[in-house]
């Protein structure tokens, strides 16, 4: 469980660095979470969305854009 948390947080961190538009980045996070929810139980999709957004927000707060 901890590995998924770290992995999704790192993925969210890199999504913010790679995708320049905030709306596109958030849609990408949502798409990844929906796919994760389809392949696993729906609750894990919601959890994955939270972890992706955590990494995204941390990257957004620490970047110098």
Protein backbone atom coordinates (compact mmCIF):
# COMPACT_ATOMS: atom_id res chain seq x y z
CA UNK A 1 0.00 0.00 0.00
CA UNK A 2 2.80 2.40 0.82
CA UNK A 3 4.45 1.70 -2.54
CA UNK A 4 1.27 2.75 -4.37
CA UNK A 5 1.08 5.91 -2.28
CA UNK A 6 4.66 6.83 -3.07
CA UNK A 7 4.31 5.84 -6.73
CA UNK A 8 1.16 7.86 -7.38
CA UNK A 9 2.51 10.86 -5.48
CA UNK A 10 5.68 10.80 -7.57
CA UNK A 11 3.61 10.40 -10.74
CA UNK A 12 1.50 13.42 -9.78
CA UNK A 13 4.69 15.36 -9.06
CA UNK A 14 6.05 14.61 -12.54
CA UNK A 15 2.73 15.30 -14.25
CA UNK A 16 2.88 18.86 -12.96
CA UNK A 17 6.44 19.24 -14.21
CA UNK A 18 5.76 17.82 -17.69
CA UNK A 19 2.29 19.16 -18.51
CA UNK A 20 2.27 22.94 -18.70
CA UNK A 21 -1.50 23.56 -18.62
CA UNK A 22 -3.18 23.04 -15.23
CA UNK A 23 -6.49 21.90 -16.75
CA UNK A 24 -4.79 19.28 -18.93
CA UNK A 25 -2.74 18.02 -16.00
CA UNK A 26 -5.80 17.64 -13.79
CA UNK A 27 -7.69 15.85 -16.59
CA UNK A 28 -4.74 13.50 -16.98
CA UNK A 29 -4.79 12.78 -13.24
CA UNK A 30 -8.52 12.15 -13.42
CA UNK A 31 -8.10 9.82 -16.39
CA UNK A 32 -5.40 7.80 -14.64
CA UNK A 33 -7.58 7.53 -11.53
CA UNK A 34 -10.61 6.39 -13.56
CA UNK A 35 -8.54 3.72 -15.30
CA UNK A 36 -7.15 2.62 -11.95
CA UNK A 37 -10.68 2.45 -10.57
CA UNK A 38 -11.82 0.29 -13.49
CA UNK A 39 -8.95 -2.17 -13.11
CA UNK A 40 -9.23 -2.27 -9.30
CA UNK A 41 -12.18 -1.42 -7.07
CA UNK A 42 -13.71 2.02 -7.49
CA UNK A 43 -12.57 3.20 -4.08
CA UNK A 44 -8.95 2.68 -5.12
CA UNK A 45 -9.54 5.00 -8.05
CA UNK A 46 -10.62 7.71 -5.63
CA UNK A 47 -7.60 7.03 -3.44
CA UNK A 48 -5.31 7.16 -6.48
CA UNK A 49 -6.82 10.52 -7.47
CA UNK A 50 -6.04 11.89 -4.01
CA UNK A 51 -2.47 10.62 -4.19
CA UNK A 52 -1.96 12.04 -7.70
CA UNK A 53 -3.35 15.39 -6.62
CA UNK A 54 -1.13 15.37 -3.54
CA UNK A 55 1.97 14.99 -5.70
CA UNK A 56 0.63 17.61 -8.12
CA UNK A 57 0.00 20.16 -5.38
CA UNK A 58 3.36 19.58 -3.71
CA UNK A 59 5.11 20.03 -7.05
CA UNK A 60 3.05 23.13 -7.80
CA UNK A 61 3.92 24.68 -4.42
CA UNK A 62 7.62 23.93 -4.69
CA UNK A 63 8.13 24.97 -8.33
CA UNK A 64 9.35 28.42 -9.23
CA UNK A 65 6.96 29.07 -12.17
